[in-house]
Amino acid sequence: MTKVIKCKVEGVKMTPCKILSKAIDGGSLTKKAKGLFMPYRINIETGEEGHVIVQLHSGGYIGRGVALNFCPFCGEKIVTWGEA
């Protein structure tokens, strides 16, 4: 049995586990795109990288998507926003 590597959160950055990394769609996020996405965010005021958020676009949430709190594969908390 292989060891499951868990997602890792460090401040506003998140490194996905091996399975989530494979499941994330690397294509362009459009209004009608479906699947798991991890869009690149940048703070336009400071130029720094923004929060990493994994989004699910499916069903009634195709346009704006839904931010995931936990990895659906390894179960780790992947929240990079809010109070520390």
N, C-alpha and C. Protein backbone atom coordinates (compact mmCIF):
# COMPACT_ATOMS: atom_id res chain seq x y z
N MET A 1 0.85 -1.18 0.00
CA MET A 1 0.00 0.00 0.00
C MET A 1 0.90 1.24 0.00
N THR A 2 0.58 2.22 -0.87
CA THR A 2 1.40 3.43 -0.95
C THR A 2 0.96 4.45 0.07
N LYS A 3 1.91 5.26 0.51
CA LYS A 3 1.63 6.30 1.49
C LYS A 3 0.93 7.47 0.80
N VAL A 4 -0.16 7.97 1.39
CA VAL A 4 -0.89 9.10 0.85
C VAL A 4 -0.24 10.38 1.34
N ILE A 5 0.18 11.22 0.41
CA ILE A 5 0.76 12.51 0.77
C ILE A 5 -0.38 13.51 0.88
N LYS A 6 -0.44 14.23 1.99
CA LYS A 6 -1.53 15.17 2.25
C LYS A 6 -1.24 16.55 1.71
N CYS A 7 -2.31 17.32 1.47
CA CYS A 7 -2.18 18.72 1.07
C CYS A 7 -1.51 19.50 2.20
N LYS A 8 -0.80 20.55 1.84
CA LYS A 8 -0.06 21.32 2.84
C LYS A 8 -0.37 22.80 2.66
N VAL A 9 -0.79 23.47 3.75
CA VAL A 9 -1.10 24.90 3.72
C VAL A 9 -0.03 25.65 4.50
N GLU A 10 0.51 26.70 3.88
CA GLU A 10 1.49 27.57 4.53
C GLU A 10 1.07 29.00 4.25
N GLY A 11 0.36 29.62 5.20
CA GLY A 11 -0.13 30.98 5.03
C GLY A 11 -1.16 31.06 3.92
N VAL A 12 -0.88 31.85 2.88
CA VAL A 12 -1.82 32.00 1.76
C VAL A 12 -1.53 31.01 0.64
N LYS A 13 -0.49 30.20 0.81
CA LYS A 13 -0.11 29.23 -0.21
C LYS A 13 -0.57 27.83 0.18
N MET A 14 -0.83 27.01 -0.83
CA MET A 14 -1.27 25.65 -0.60
C MET A 14 -0.64 24.75 -1.65
N THR A 15 -0.08 23.64 -1.19
CA THR A 15 0.47 22.64 -2.09
C THR A 15 -0.50 21.46 -2.09
N PRO A 16 -1.10 21.15 -3.25
CA PRO A 16 -2.07 20.06 -3.29
C PRO A 16 -1.41 18.69 -3.18
N CYS A 17 -2.17 17.73 -2.66
CA CYS A 17 -1.69 16.35 -2.61
C CYS A 17 -1.60 15.83 -4.05
N LYS A 18 -0.98 14.69 -4.20
CA LYS A 18 -0.74 14.12 -5.53
C LYS A 18 -2.04 13.91 -6.31
N ILE A 19 -3.07 13.39 -5.67
CA ILE A 19 -4.31 13.10 -6.36
C ILE A 19 -5.06 14.38 -6.73
N LEU A 20 -5.12 15.36 -5.82
CA LEU A 20 -5.78 16.63 -6.12
C LEU A 20 -5.04 17.35 -7.24
N SER A 21 -3.73 17.28 -7.23
CA SER A 21 -2.93 17.91 -8.27
C SER A 21 -3.28 17.35 -9.65
N LYS A 22 -3.49 16.05 -9.72
CA LYS A 22 -3.88 15.42 -10.99
C LYS A 22 -5.31 15.78 -11.39
N ALA A 23 -6.19 16.02 -10.40
CA ALA A 23 -7.60 16.30 -10.67
C ALA A 23 -7.86 17.75 -11.08
N ILE A 24 -6.94 18.66 -10.73
CA ILE A 24 -7.14 20.07 -11.05
C ILE A 24 -6.98 20.27 -12.55
N ASP A 25 -7.97 20.95 -13.14
CA ASP A 25 -7.95 21.23 -14.58
C ASP A 25 -6.96 22.35 -14.83
N GLY A 26 -6.01 22.12 -15.69
CA GLY A 26 -5.01 23.13 -16.01
C GLY A 26 -5.44 24.08 -17.11
N GLY A 27 -6.67 23.89 -17.62
CA GLY A 27 -7.14 24.74 -18.71
C GLY A 27 -7.61 26.10 -18.21
N SER A 28 -8.02 26.90 -19.14
CA SER A 28 -8.51 28.24 -18.82
C SER A 28 -9.87 28.17 -18.14
N LEU A 29 -10.04 29.00 -17.15
CA LEU A 29 -11.31 29.07 -16.42
C LEU A 29 -12.24 30.00 -17.19
N THR A 30 -13.33 29.45 -17.69
CA THR A 30 -14.32 30.23 -18.44
C THR A 30 -15.65 30.19 -17.70
N LYS A 31 -16.62 30.95 -18.16
CA LYS A 31 -17.93 30.99 -17.49
C LYS A 31 -18.64 29.64 -17.53
N LYS A 32 -18.33 28.80 -18.50
CA LYS A 32 -19.01 27.51 -18.62
C LYS A 32 -18.11 26.32 -18.29
N ALA A 33 -16.92 26.59 -17.76
CA ALA A 33 -15.99 25.50 -17.41
C ALA A 33 -16.51 24.71 -16.22
N LYS A 34 -16.25 23.40 -16.24
CA LYS A 34 -16.64 22.52 -15.14
C LYS A 34 -15.41 21.77 -14.65
N GLY A 35 -15.39 21.49 -13.34
CA GLY A 35 -14.29 20.73 -12.78
C GLY A 35 -13.65 21.44 -11.60
N LEU A 36 -12.45 20.99 -11.23
CA LEU A 36 -11.67 21.59 -10.14
C LEU A 36 -10.63 22.54 -10.74
N PHE A 37 -10.53 23.73 -10.17
CA PHE A 37 -9.58 24.73 -10.65
C PHE A 37 -8.83 25.34 -9.48
N MET A 38 -7.61 25.76 -9.73
CA MET A 38 -6.82 26.48 -8.75
C MET A 38 -6.26 27.71 -9.48
N PRO A 39 -7.13 28.74 -9.67
CA PRO A 39 -6.71 29.91 -10.44
C PRO A 39 -5.60 30.70 -9.76
N TYR A 40 -4.74 31.29 -10.56
CA TYR A 40 -3.64 32.11 -10.06
C TYR A 40 -4.20 33.46 -9.64
N ARG A 41 -3.94 33.87 -8.41
CA ARG A 41 -4.42 35.15 -7.90
C ARG A 41 -3.24 36.02 -7.53
N ILE A 42 -3.40 37.33 -7.76
CA ILE A 42 -2.35 38.28 -7.41
C ILE A 42 -3.00 39.53 -6.84
N ASN A 43 -2.42 40.09 -5.79
CA ASN A 43 -2.90 41.33 -5.18
C ASN A 43 -2.43 42.48 -6.07
N ILE A 44 -3.35 43.16 -6.73
CA ILE A 44 -2.96 44.19 -7.69
C ILE A 44 -2.37 45.43 -7.01
N GLU A 45 -2.63 45.60 -5.73
CA GLU A 45 -2.07 46.75 -5.01
C GLU A 45 -0.61 46.54 -4.65
N THR A 46 -0.26 45.33 -4.25
CA THR A 46 1.11 45.05 -3.78
C THR A 46 1.93 44.23 -4.77
N GLY A 47 1.28 43.55 -5.69
CA GLY A 47 1.98 42.69 -6.64
C GLY A 47 2.32 41.32 -6.08
N GLU A 48 1.92 41.05 -4.83
CA GLU A 48 2.21 39.76 -4.20
C GLU A 48 1.17 38.73 -4.61
N GLU A 49 1.58 37.46 -4.49
CA GLU A 49 0.64 36.37 -4.77
C GLU A 49 -0.51 36.42 -3.78
N GLY A 50 -1.71 36.13 -4.27
CA GLY A 50 -2.87 36.11 -3.41
C GLY A 50 -3.10 34.74 -2.81
N HIS A 51 -4.24 34.57 -2.17
CA HIS A 51 -4.61 33.30 -1.55
C HIS A 51 -4.80 32.24 -2.62
N VAL A 52 -4.34 31.05 -2.33
CA VAL A 52 -4.57 29.92 -3.21
C VAL A 52 -5.90 29.30 -2.78
N ILE A 53 -6.81 29.20 -3.72
CA ILE A 53 -8.14 28.65 -3.44
C ILE A 53 -8.47 27.60 -4.49
N VAL A 54 -8.86 26.41 -4.04
CA VAL A 54 -9.31 25.37 -4.96
C VAL A 54 -10.81 25.57 -5.13
N GLN A 55 -11.24 25.69 -6.38
CA GLN A 55 -12.65 25.95 -6.68
C GLN A 55 -13.26 24.77 -7.44
N LEU A 56 -14.51 24.47 -7.10
CA LEU A 56 -15.28 23.46 -7.81
C LEU A 56 -16.32 24.18 -8.64
N HIS A 57 -16.34 23.90 -9.93
CA HIS A 57 -17.33 24.48 -10.84
C HIS A 57 -18.16 23.32 -11.38
N SER A 58 -19.41 23.22 -10.88
CA SER A 58 -20.28 22.13 -11.28
C SER A 58 -21.71 22.47 -10.92
N GLY A 59 -22.66 21.81 -11.57
CA GLY A 59 -24.08 22.00 -11.27
C GLY A 59 -24.50 23.45 -11.34
N GLY A 60 -25.09 23.96 -10.27
CA GLY A 60 -25.54 25.34 -10.21
C GLY A 60 -24.42 26.32 -9.92
N TYR A 61 -23.19 25.83 -9.79
CA TYR A 61 -22.05 26.69 -9.46
C TYR A 61 -21.01 26.70 -10.59
N ILE A 62 -21.47 26.80 -11.82
CA ILE A 62 -20.55 26.77 -12.96
C ILE A 62 -19.83 28.11 -13.11
N GLY A 63 -20.52 29.21 -13.06
CA GLY A 63 -19.91 30.52 -13.30
C GLY A 63 -18.89 30.93 -12.26
N ARG A 64 -19.31 31.13 -11.03
CA ARG A 64 -18.41 31.62 -9.98
C ARG A 64 -17.70 30.51 -9.22
N GLY A 65 -18.27 29.34 -9.18
CA GLY A 65 -17.65 28.22 -8.49
C GLY A 65 -17.85 28.28 -6.98
N VAL A 66 -17.36 27.27 -6.31
CA VAL A 66 -17.43 27.15 -4.86
C VAL A 66 -16.03 26.84 -4.34
N ALA A 67 -15.59 27.59 -3.34
CA ALA A 67 -14.27 27.34 -2.74
C ALA A 67 -14.35 26.12 -1.83
N LEU A 68 -13.38 25.24 -1.94
CA LEU A 68 -13.35 24.04 -1.10
C LEU A 68 -12.61 24.32 0.21
N ASN A 69 -13.16 23.84 1.31
CA ASN A 69 -12.53 23.97 2.62
C ASN A 69 -11.61 22.80 2.92
N PHE A 70 -11.94 21.65 2.36
CA PHE A 70 -11.17 20.43 2.60
C PHE A 70 -10.87 19.76 1.27
N CYS A 71 -9.75 19.07 1.20
CA CYS A 71 -9.41 18.32 0.00
C CYS A 71 -10.34 17.11 -0.09
N PRO A 72 -10.99 16.90 -1.25
CA PRO A 72 -11.89 15.76 -1.37
C PRO A 72 -11.17 14.42 -1.42
N PHE A 73 -9.86 14.42 -1.55
CA PHE A 73 -9.10 13.18 -1.68
C PHE A 73 -8.34 12.79 -0.41
N CYS A 74 -7.61 13.74 0.19
CA CYS A 74 -6.83 13.39 1.39
C CYS A 74 -7.51 13.85 2.68
N GLY A 75 -8.52 14.73 2.57
CA GLY A 75 -9.27 15.17 3.74
C GLY A 75 -8.66 16.31 4.54
N GLU A 76 -7.50 16.81 4.11
CA GLU A 76 -6.84 17.91 4.82
C GLU A 76 -7.58 19.22 4.63
N LYS A 77 -7.53 20.06 5.66
CA LYS A 77 -8.11 21.40 5.57
C LYS A 77 -7.23 22.23 4.64
N ILE A 78 -7.83 22.88 3.62
CA ILE A 78 -7.05 23.62 2.63
C ILE A 78 -7.46 25.10 2.60
N VAL A 79 -7.95 25.63 3.71
CA VAL A 79 -8.36 27.02 3.79
C VAL A 79 -7.13 27.91 3.92
N THR A 80 -7.02 28.90 3.04
CA THR A 80 -5.88 29.83 3.06
C THR A 80 -6.34 31.26 3.32
N TRP A 81 -7.60 31.43 3.63
CA TRP A 81 -8.15 32.77 3.84
C TRP A 81 -8.75 32.85 5.24
N GLY A 82 -9.12 34.05 5.66
CA GLY A 82 -9.73 34.25 6.97
C GLY A 82 -8.69 34.42 8.06
N GLU A 83 -9.13 34.30 9.29
CA GLU A 83 -8.23 34.47 10.43
C GLU A 83 -7.27 33.32 10.56
N ALA A 84 -6.06 33.64 10.94
CA ALA A 84 -5.03 32.59 11.12
C ALA A 84 -5.23 31.86 12.42
